[in-house]
Amino acid sequence: MKTLAIFSKLLIFLVFSNCFVLLQSCKKSTGNIIPDTFVDFTISLNDPLFIDLNSIGNSVIVNSSYFGPNSSGYKDHGIIIYRASQTEFYAFDRTCTWEENLDQAVELDLPADLSAECPECGSHYILPSYGYPDNDGPAQYPLKNYNTQFDGTNIWVYNQFK
């Protein structure tokens, strides 16, 4: 009888363990293959260079020519800032996530600014969907995200990497 109780407990443990492993493997991958680089800068919506960000759904590209190396992102590709709502902004590294070694920067799809495309592999990244790629290209990972804070006039873009 004692052997049966131990067997039952072992069976229950194995069933729950397998369920946990299966659930973990079903999560969408949010891996980040682009290495961390220091990012820390602030832009003003009153600056004529960033006037496009006064409208929801618009994007701008910021690079080192504006704020030095702290605004250049990985391999100096620059950073896309996208206005998602009245108070929410997303910041993405422009490095294509298909193959980091290709050293390719994505370009904004104009005039809508709702997506970015890699000129090398053709991957499209949907900016309102947190920079996740659509199914038309080989990329599987979203564009690298940076933190943003908005105070009504200024957008602070940063990461925790130091």
N, C-alpha and C. Protein backbone atom coordinates (compact mmCIF):
# COMPACT_ATOMS: atom_id res chain seq x y z
N MET A 1 0.82 -1.19 0.00
CA MET A 1 0.00 0.00 0.00
C MET A 1 0.87 1.26 0.00
N LYS A 2 1.97 1.21 0.79
CA LYS A 2 2.86 2.35 0.87
C LYS A 2 3.53 2.60 -0.48
N THR A 3 3.86 1.56 -1.20
CA THR A 3 4.47 1.68 -2.52
C THR A 3 3.51 2.35 -3.49
N LEU A 4 2.24 2.01 -3.42
CA LEU A 4 1.22 2.60 -4.28
C LEU A 4 1.09 4.11 -4.01
N ALA A 5 1.15 4.53 -2.76
CA ALA A 5 1.06 5.95 -2.39
C ALA A 5 2.27 6.71 -2.93
N ILE A 6 3.44 6.12 -2.81
CA ILE A 6 4.66 6.77 -3.33
C ILE A 6 4.58 6.88 -4.84
N PHE A 7 4.10 5.82 -5.49
CA PHE A 7 3.96 5.82 -6.94
C PHE A 7 2.96 6.90 -7.38
N SER A 8 1.85 7.06 -6.66
CA SER A 8 0.85 8.07 -6.99
C SER A 8 1.43 9.47 -6.87
N LYS A 9 2.17 9.72 -5.81
CA LYS A 9 2.77 11.03 -5.62
C LYS A 9 3.80 11.31 -6.71
N LEU A 10 4.57 10.31 -7.07
CA LEU A 10 5.57 10.46 -8.12
C LEU A 10 4.88 10.74 -9.46
N LEU A 11 3.80 10.03 -9.72
CA LEU A 11 3.06 10.23 -10.96
C LEU A 11 2.48 11.64 -11.02
N ILE A 12 1.92 12.12 -9.93
CA ILE A 12 1.36 13.47 -9.89
C ILE A 12 2.47 14.49 -10.12
N PHE A 13 3.61 14.29 -9.47
CA PHE A 13 4.74 15.20 -9.64
C PHE A 13 5.19 15.24 -11.10
N LEU A 14 5.30 14.09 -11.75
CA LEU A 14 5.73 14.04 -13.15
C LEU A 14 4.73 14.71 -14.08
N VAL A 15 3.45 14.52 -13.81
CA VAL A 15 2.42 15.14 -14.66
C VAL A 15 2.51 16.66 -14.55
N PHE A 16 2.60 17.18 -13.33
CA PHE A 16 2.70 18.63 -13.16
C PHE A 16 4.01 19.18 -13.74
N SER A 17 5.09 18.45 -13.58
CA SER A 17 6.37 18.90 -14.14
C SER A 17 6.30 18.99 -15.65
N ASN A 18 5.71 17.99 -16.28
CA ASN A 18 5.59 18.00 -17.74
C ASN A 18 4.69 19.14 -18.21
N CYS A 19 3.61 19.37 -17.49
CA CYS A 19 2.71 20.47 -17.86
C CYS A 19 3.45 21.80 -17.78
N PHE A 20 4.24 21.99 -16.73
CA PHE A 20 5.00 23.23 -16.57
C PHE A 20 5.99 23.41 -17.72
N VAL A 21 6.69 22.36 -18.08
CA VAL A 21 7.66 22.43 -19.16
C VAL A 21 6.96 22.75 -20.48
N LEU A 22 5.84 22.12 -20.74
CA LEU A 22 5.10 22.38 -21.97
C LEU A 22 4.60 23.81 -22.03
N LEU A 23 4.09 24.33 -20.93
CA LEU A 23 3.60 25.70 -20.91
C LEU A 23 4.73 26.70 -21.13
N GLN A 24 5.87 26.44 -20.55
CA GLN A 24 7.01 27.33 -20.74
C GLN A 24 7.49 27.32 -22.19
N SER A 25 7.43 26.20 -22.85
CA SER A 25 7.91 26.11 -24.22
C SER A 25 6.95 26.74 -25.21
N CYS A 26 5.72 26.98 -24.81
CA CYS A 26 4.74 27.57 -25.71
C CYS A 26 4.76 29.10 -25.70
N LYS A 27 5.48 29.71 -24.81
CA LYS A 27 5.53 31.17 -24.75
C LYS A 27 6.23 31.71 -25.98
N LYS A 28 5.71 32.84 -26.48
CA LYS A 28 6.33 33.50 -27.61
C LYS A 28 7.71 34.01 -27.19
N SER A 29 8.69 33.78 -28.02
CA SER A 29 10.05 34.17 -27.69
C SER A 29 10.20 35.68 -27.77
N THR A 30 10.73 36.26 -26.73
CA THR A 30 11.02 37.70 -26.73
C THR A 30 12.52 37.90 -26.61
N GLY A 31 13.27 36.88 -27.02
CA GLY A 31 14.72 36.96 -26.90
C GLY A 31 15.26 38.20 -27.56
N ASN A 32 16.34 38.67 -27.04
CA ASN A 32 16.95 39.87 -27.58
C ASN A 32 18.36 39.52 -28.02
N ILE A 33 18.55 39.43 -29.33
CA ILE A 33 19.86 39.04 -29.83
C ILE A 33 20.79 40.23 -30.04
N ILE A 34 20.26 41.44 -29.93
CA ILE A 34 21.09 42.63 -30.09
C ILE A 34 21.73 42.95 -28.75
N PRO A 35 23.05 43.02 -28.69
CA PRO A 35 23.73 43.28 -27.40
C PRO A 35 23.35 44.64 -26.82
N ASP A 36 23.45 44.74 -25.50
CA ASP A 36 23.17 45.99 -24.82
C ASP A 36 24.22 47.04 -25.16
N THR A 37 23.76 48.27 -25.27
CA THR A 37 24.63 49.43 -25.45
C THR A 37 24.02 50.57 -24.64
N PHE A 38 24.85 51.45 -24.13
CA PHE A 38 24.35 52.53 -23.29
C PHE A 38 23.54 53.53 -24.11
N VAL A 39 22.32 53.82 -23.64
CA VAL A 39 21.43 54.79 -24.28
C VAL A 39 20.87 55.69 -23.20
N ASP A 40 21.00 57.01 -23.40
CA ASP A 40 20.49 57.97 -22.42
C ASP A 40 20.46 59.36 -23.05
N PHE A 41 19.27 59.81 -23.48
CA PHE A 41 19.13 61.14 -24.05
C PHE A 41 17.69 61.60 -23.91
N THR A 42 17.49 62.90 -24.07
CA THR A 42 16.16 63.51 -23.97
C THR A 42 15.94 64.38 -25.20
N ILE A 43 14.75 64.25 -25.80
CA ILE A 43 14.38 65.14 -26.90
C ILE A 43 13.15 65.93 -26.50
N SER A 44 12.99 67.09 -27.09
CA SER A 44 11.85 67.95 -26.82
C SER A 44 10.91 67.93 -28.02
N LEU A 45 9.61 67.84 -27.74
CA LEU A 45 8.63 67.91 -28.82
C LEU A 45 8.55 69.31 -29.42
N ASN A 46 9.14 70.29 -28.74
CA ASN A 46 9.18 71.66 -29.27
C ASN A 46 10.31 71.85 -30.27
N ASP A 47 11.25 70.91 -30.35
CA ASP A 47 12.37 70.98 -31.28
C ASP A 47 11.85 70.72 -32.70
N PRO A 48 12.10 71.62 -33.65
CA PRO A 48 11.61 71.42 -35.03
C PRO A 48 12.07 70.10 -35.66
N LEU A 49 13.21 69.55 -35.22
CA LEU A 49 13.68 68.27 -35.76
C LEU A 49 12.75 67.12 -35.42
N PHE A 50 11.98 67.27 -34.34
CA PHE A 50 11.13 66.17 -33.86
C PHE A 50 9.65 66.54 -33.88
N ILE A 51 9.28 67.52 -34.71
CA ILE A 51 7.91 67.99 -34.78
C ILE A 51 6.93 66.89 -35.21
N ASP A 52 7.42 65.91 -35.98
CA ASP A 52 6.55 64.81 -36.41
C ASP A 52 5.99 64.02 -35.24
N LEU A 53 6.68 64.02 -34.11
CA LEU A 53 6.21 63.26 -32.95
C LEU A 53 5.05 63.93 -32.23
N ASN A 54 4.61 65.09 -32.71
CA ASN A 54 3.44 65.73 -32.12
C ASN A 54 2.14 65.06 -32.55
N SER A 55 2.22 64.15 -33.51
CA SER A 55 1.04 63.40 -33.98
C SER A 55 1.19 61.93 -33.65
N ILE A 56 0.12 61.34 -33.16
CA ILE A 56 0.11 59.91 -32.84
C ILE A 56 0.31 59.11 -34.13
N GLY A 57 1.15 58.07 -34.05
CA GLY A 57 1.41 57.21 -35.20
C GLY A 57 2.62 57.62 -36.02
N ASN A 58 3.26 58.71 -35.67
CA ASN A 58 4.44 59.14 -36.40
C ASN A 58 5.71 58.68 -35.70
N SER A 59 6.79 58.66 -36.48
CA SER A 59 8.09 58.21 -35.98
C SER A 59 9.18 59.15 -36.44
N VAL A 60 10.28 59.13 -35.72
CA VAL A 60 11.50 59.83 -36.13
C VAL A 60 12.69 58.93 -35.85
N ILE A 61 13.77 59.20 -36.53
CA ILE A 61 15.02 58.49 -36.27
C ILE A 61 15.97 59.45 -35.59
N VAL A 62 16.55 59.00 -34.49
CA VAL A 62 17.53 59.77 -33.75
C VAL A 62 18.86 59.04 -33.88
N ASN A 63 19.93 59.79 -34.16
CA ASN A 63 21.25 59.16 -34.24
C ASN A 63 22.28 60.02 -33.53
N SER A 64 23.52 59.63 -33.62
CA SER A 64 24.58 60.29 -32.87
C SER A 64 24.80 61.74 -33.29
N SER A 65 24.35 62.14 -34.47
CA SER A 65 24.54 63.53 -34.89
C SER A 65 23.70 64.49 -34.04
N TYR A 66 22.66 63.97 -33.39
CA TYR A 66 21.82 64.81 -32.53
C TYR A 66 22.35 64.91 -31.11
N PHE A 67 22.66 63.78 -30.50
CA PHE A 67 22.99 63.76 -29.08
C PHE A 67 24.25 62.96 -28.76
N GLY A 68 25.09 62.69 -29.73
CA GLY A 68 26.32 61.96 -29.48
C GLY A 68 26.09 60.46 -29.36
N PRO A 69 27.08 59.73 -28.86
CA PRO A 69 27.01 58.27 -28.84
C PRO A 69 25.91 57.72 -27.93
N ASN A 70 25.41 58.50 -26.98
CA ASN A 70 24.34 57.99 -26.10
C ASN A 70 23.01 57.86 -26.82
N SER A 71 22.92 58.38 -28.05
CA SER A 71 21.67 58.30 -28.81
C SER A 71 21.83 57.49 -30.08
N SER A 72 22.92 56.77 -30.20
CA SER A 72 23.18 56.10 -31.47
C SER A 72 22.75 54.64 -31.52
N GLY A 73 22.48 54.02 -30.38
CA GLY A 73 22.09 52.62 -30.38
C GLY A 73 23.24 51.70 -30.72
N TYR A 74 22.90 50.46 -31.03
CA TYR A 74 23.91 49.45 -31.32
C TYR A 74 24.58 49.75 -32.65
N LYS A 75 25.89 49.68 -32.68
CA LYS A 75 26.72 49.90 -33.88
C LYS A 75 26.41 51.22 -34.58
N ASP A 76 25.95 52.21 -33.81
CA ASP A 76 25.67 53.54 -34.32
C ASP A 76 24.57 53.55 -35.39
N HIS A 77 23.63 52.61 -35.32
CA HIS A 77 22.54 52.55 -36.29
C HIS A 77 21.46 53.59 -36.03
N GLY A 78 21.37 54.07 -34.80
CA GLY A 78 20.33 55.03 -34.47
C GLY A 78 19.15 54.36 -33.78
N ILE A 79 18.21 55.19 -33.38
CA ILE A 79 17.04 54.74 -32.62
C ILE A 79 15.79 55.33 -33.24
N ILE A 80 14.76 54.51 -33.41
CA ILE A 80 13.46 54.96 -33.89
C ILE A 80 12.61 55.29 -32.66
N ILE A 81 12.01 56.47 -32.66
CA ILE A 81 11.04 56.81 -31.62
C ILE A 81 9.68 56.89 -32.29
N TYR A 82 8.72 56.15 -31.76
CA TYR A 82 7.37 56.05 -32.31
C TYR A 82 6.37 56.54 -31.27
N ARG A 83 5.45 57.40 -31.68
CA ARG A 83 4.41 57.87 -30.75
C ARG A 83 3.20 56.96 -30.87
N ALA A 84 2.93 56.19 -29.80
CA ALA A 84 1.84 55.22 -29.79
C ALA A 84 0.52 55.82 -29.33
N SER A 85 0.56 56.83 -28.45
CA SER A 85 -0.66 57.46 -27.93
C SER A 85 -0.30 58.87 -27.45
N GLN A 86 -1.25 59.54 -26.82
CA GLN A 86 -0.98 60.89 -26.29
C GLN A 86 0.19 60.90 -25.32
N THR A 87 0.32 59.83 -24.54
CA THR A 87 1.33 59.82 -23.48
C THR A 87 2.35 58.70 -23.59
N GLU A 88 2.26 57.88 -24.63
CA GLU A 88 3.14 56.71 -24.72
C GLU A 88 4.00 56.76 -25.98
N PHE A 89 5.29 56.55 -25.76
CA PHE A 89 6.27 56.51 -26.85
C PHE A 89 7.05 55.21 -26.75
N TYR A 90 7.41 54.65 -27.91
CA TYR A 90 8.26 53.46 -27.95
C TYR A 90 9.59 53.88 -28.59
N ALA A 91 10.66 53.28 -28.11
CA ALA A 91 11.98 53.54 -28.70
C ALA A 91 12.60 52.20 -29.08
N PHE A 92 13.04 52.08 -30.33
CA PHE A 92 13.59 50.85 -30.86
C PHE A 92 14.98 51.08 -31.45
N ASP A 93 15.87 50.14 -31.21
CA ASP A 93 17.15 50.16 -31.90
C ASP A 93 16.88 49.83 -33.36
N ARG A 94 17.61 50.44 -34.27
CA ARG A 94 17.39 50.22 -35.70
C ARG A 94 18.08 48.97 -36.23
N THR A 95 18.77 48.23 -35.41
CA THR A 95 19.49 47.06 -35.88
C THR A 95 18.52 45.92 -36.18
N CYS A 96 18.59 45.38 -37.39
CA CYS A 96 17.75 44.25 -37.78
C CYS A 96 18.09 43.05 -36.90
N THR A 97 17.07 42.35 -36.44
CA THR A 97 17.28 41.21 -35.54
C THR A 97 17.38 39.89 -36.27
N TRP A 98 17.31 39.89 -37.59
CA TRP A 98 17.41 38.62 -38.29
C TRP A 98 18.78 38.00 -38.09
N GLU A 99 19.80 38.78 -38.35
CA GLU A 99 21.15 38.28 -38.16
C GLU A 99 22.03 39.47 -37.78
N GLU A 100 22.31 39.58 -36.50
CA GLU A 100 23.03 40.73 -35.96
C GLU A 100 24.35 40.98 -36.68
N ASN A 101 25.01 39.94 -37.16
CA ASN A 101 26.30 40.09 -37.82
C ASN A 101 26.21 40.76 -39.19
N LEU A 102 25.00 40.84 -39.75
CA LEU A 102 24.86 41.52 -41.04
C LEU A 102 25.08 43.02 -40.92
N ASP A 103 24.93 43.55 -39.73
CA ASP A 103 25.16 44.97 -39.48
C ASP A 103 24.24 45.83 -40.34
N GLN A 104 22.95 45.51 -40.34
CA GLN A 104 21.97 46.26 -41.12
C GLN A 104 21.06 47.09 -40.24
N ALA A 105 20.82 48.33 -40.64
CA ALA A 105 19.86 49.19 -39.95
C ALA A 105 18.56 49.20 -40.73
N VAL A 106 17.45 49.09 -40.02
CA VAL A 106 16.14 49.14 -40.67
C VAL A 106 15.81 50.59 -41.03
N GLU A 107 14.96 50.74 -42.02
CA GLU A 107 14.51 52.06 -42.48
C GLU A 107 13.01 52.17 -42.23
N LEU A 108 12.54 53.37 -41.92
CA LEU A 108 11.11 53.59 -41.74
C LEU A 108 10.41 53.47 -43.08
N ASP A 109 9.24 52.83 -43.07
CA ASP A 109 8.39 52.77 -44.26
C ASP A 109 7.57 54.05 -44.30
N LEU A 110 7.92 54.93 -45.19
CA LEU A 110 7.22 56.21 -45.29
C LEU A 110 6.08 56.09 -46.28
N PRO A 111 5.02 56.85 -46.21
CA PRO A 111 4.82 57.96 -45.29
C PRO A 111 4.13 57.56 -43.98
N ALA A 112 3.70 56.33 -43.84
CA ALA A 112 2.89 55.97 -42.67
C ALA A 112 3.70 55.87 -41.37
N ASP A 113 4.95 55.50 -41.42
CA ASP A 113 5.79 55.36 -40.23
C ASP A 113 5.29 54.31 -39.25
N LEU A 114 4.47 53.39 -39.68
CA LEU A 114 3.95 52.36 -38.77
C LEU A 114 4.80 51.10 -38.79
N SER A 115 5.76 51.04 -39.69
CA SER A 115 6.62 49.87 -39.75
C SER A 115 8.01 50.29 -40.23
N ALA A 116 8.93 49.38 -40.02
CA ALA A 116 10.30 49.58 -40.48
C ALA A 116 10.72 48.33 -41.24
N GLU A 117 11.58 48.50 -42.24
CA GLU A 117 11.98 47.38 -43.08
C GLU A 117 13.50 47.31 -43.17
N CYS A 118 14.00 46.07 -43.15
CA CYS A 118 15.43 45.84 -43.35
C CYS A 118 15.70 45.78 -44.85
N PRO A 119 16.59 46.62 -45.37
CA PRO A 119 16.88 46.59 -46.80
C PRO A 119 17.62 45.32 -47.24
N GLU A 120 18.25 44.63 -46.31
CA GLU A 120 19.02 43.43 -46.66
C GLU A 120 18.14 42.18 -46.74
N CYS A 121 17.38 41.91 -45.69
CA CYS A 121 16.61 40.65 -45.63
C CYS A 121 15.13 40.83 -45.92
N GLY A 122 14.63 42.07 -45.93
CA GLY A 122 13.23 42.33 -46.23
C GLY A 122 12.28 42.16 -45.05
N SER A 123 12.79 41.95 -43.87
CA SER A 123 11.92 41.81 -42.70
C SER A 123 11.22 43.13 -42.41
N HIS A 124 9.92 43.04 -42.09
CA HIS A 124 9.13 44.21 -41.69
C HIS A 124 8.83 44.11 -40.20
N TYR A 125 9.08 45.19 -39.50
CA TYR A 125 8.81 45.27 -38.07
C TYR A 125 7.66 46.25 -37.86
N ILE A 126 6.64 45.82 -37.13
CA ILE A 126 5.45 46.63 -36.92
C ILE A 126 5.63 47.44 -35.64
N LEU A 127 5.75 48.73 -35.75
CA LEU A 127 6.06 49.58 -34.59
C LEU A 127 4.93 49.60 -33.55
N PRO A 128 3.64 49.71 -33.94
CA PRO A 128 2.60 49.68 -32.91
C PRO A 128 2.51 48.35 -32.16
N SER A 129 3.08 47.30 -32.71
CA SER A 129 3.09 45.97 -32.07
C SER A 129 4.41 45.73 -31.37
N TYR A 130 4.96 46.78 -30.77
CA TYR A 130 6.20 46.71 -30.00
C TYR A 130 7.39 46.26 -30.82
N GLY A 131 7.36 46.52 -32.12
CA GLY A 131 8.50 46.21 -32.97
C GLY A 131 8.63 44.76 -33.37
N TYR A 132 7.55 43.98 -33.21
CA TYR A 132 7.61 42.57 -33.63
C TYR A 132 7.56 42.48 -35.14
N PRO A 133 8.28 41.51 -35.71
CA PRO A 133 8.25 41.35 -37.16
C PRO A 133 6.95 40.69 -37.61
N ASP A 134 6.53 41.02 -38.85
CA ASP A 134 5.40 40.29 -39.42
C ASP A 134 5.93 38.97 -39.97
N ASN A 135 5.10 38.21 -40.62
CA ASN A 135 5.49 36.87 -41.09
C ASN A 135 6.11 36.86 -42.48
N ASP A 136 6.30 38.04 -43.09
CA ASP A 136 6.80 38.09 -44.46
C ASP A 136 8.31 37.96 -44.58
N GLY A 137 9.05 38.21 -43.52
CA GLY A 137 10.51 38.16 -43.59
C GLY A 137 11.08 37.10 -42.68
N PRO A 138 12.40 36.93 -42.70
CA PRO A 138 13.03 35.88 -41.91
C PRO A 138 13.22 36.22 -40.42
N ALA A 139 13.08 37.49 -40.02
CA ALA A 139 13.30 37.87 -38.62
C ALA A 139 12.26 37.22 -37.71
N GLN A 140 12.72 36.76 -36.54
CA GLN A 140 11.83 36.13 -35.57
C GLN A 140 11.73 36.94 -34.28
N TYR A 141 12.64 37.87 -34.07
CA TYR A 141 12.70 38.63 -32.82
C TYR A 141 12.29 40.08 -33.07
N PRO A 142 11.71 40.72 -32.06
CA PRO A 142 11.36 42.14 -32.21
C PRO A 142 12.60 43.01 -32.19
N LEU A 143 12.44 44.24 -32.64
CA LEU A 143 13.51 45.21 -32.51
C LEU A 143 13.81 45.42 -31.03
N LYS A 144 15.05 45.67 -30.72
CA LYS A 144 15.44 45.91 -29.32
C LYS A 144 14.73 47.18 -28.83
N ASN A 145 14.10 47.07 -27.67
CA ASN A 145 13.37 48.19 -27.07
C ASN A 145 14.22 48.91 -26.04
N TYR A 146 14.01 50.21 -25.95
CA TYR A 146 14.59 51.03 -24.89
C TYR A 146 13.45 51.64 -24.09
N ASN A 147 13.71 51.99 -22.86
CA ASN A 147 12.72 52.61 -21.99
C ASN A 147 12.47 54.05 -22.41
N THR A 148 11.23 54.51 -22.20
CA THR A 148 10.91 55.92 -22.44
C THR A 148 10.09 56.46 -21.28
N GLN A 149 10.25 57.74 -21.03
CA GLN A 149 9.40 58.47 -20.08
C GLN A 149 9.05 59.80 -20.72
N PHE A 150 7.78 60.19 -20.58
CA PHE A 150 7.29 61.43 -21.20
C PHE A 150 6.71 62.33 -20.11
N ASP A 151 7.14 63.60 -20.11
CA ASP A 151 6.64 64.53 -19.09
C ASP A 151 5.67 65.56 -19.65
N GLY A 152 5.21 65.37 -20.87
CA GLY A 152 4.31 66.31 -21.51
C GLY A 152 4.99 67.14 -22.58
N THR A 153 6.30 67.30 -22.48
CA THR A 153 7.07 68.05 -23.47
C THR A 153 8.31 67.29 -23.91
N ASN A 154 8.97 66.63 -22.97
CA ASN A 154 10.24 65.95 -23.25
C ASN A 154 10.08 64.43 -23.17
N ILE A 155 10.83 63.76 -24.03
CA ILE A 155 10.86 62.29 -24.03
C ILE A 155 12.27 61.88 -23.63
N TRP A 156 12.35 61.14 -22.54
CA TRP A 156 13.63 60.61 -22.08
C TRP A 156 13.73 59.17 -22.56
N VAL A 157 14.77 58.84 -23.29
CA VAL A 157 15.02 57.48 -23.80
C VAL A 157 16.27 56.97 -23.10
N TYR A 158 16.15 55.77 -22.52
CA TYR A 158 17.27 55.25 -21.73
C TYR A 158 17.15 53.74 -21.61
N ASN A 159 18.22 53.14 -21.09
CA ASN A 159 18.17 51.75 -20.68
C ASN A 159 18.90 51.62 -19.36
N GLN A 160 18.82 50.46 -18.77
CA GLN A 160 19.42 50.25 -17.46
C GLN A 160 20.88 49.81 -17.58
N PHE A 161 21.33 49.56 -18.79
CA PHE A 161 22.70 49.11 -19.02
C PHE A 161 23.67 50.25 -18.76
N LYS A 162 24.68 50.01 -17.99
CA LYS A 162 25.68 51.06 -17.70
C LYS A 162 27.06 50.52 -17.93
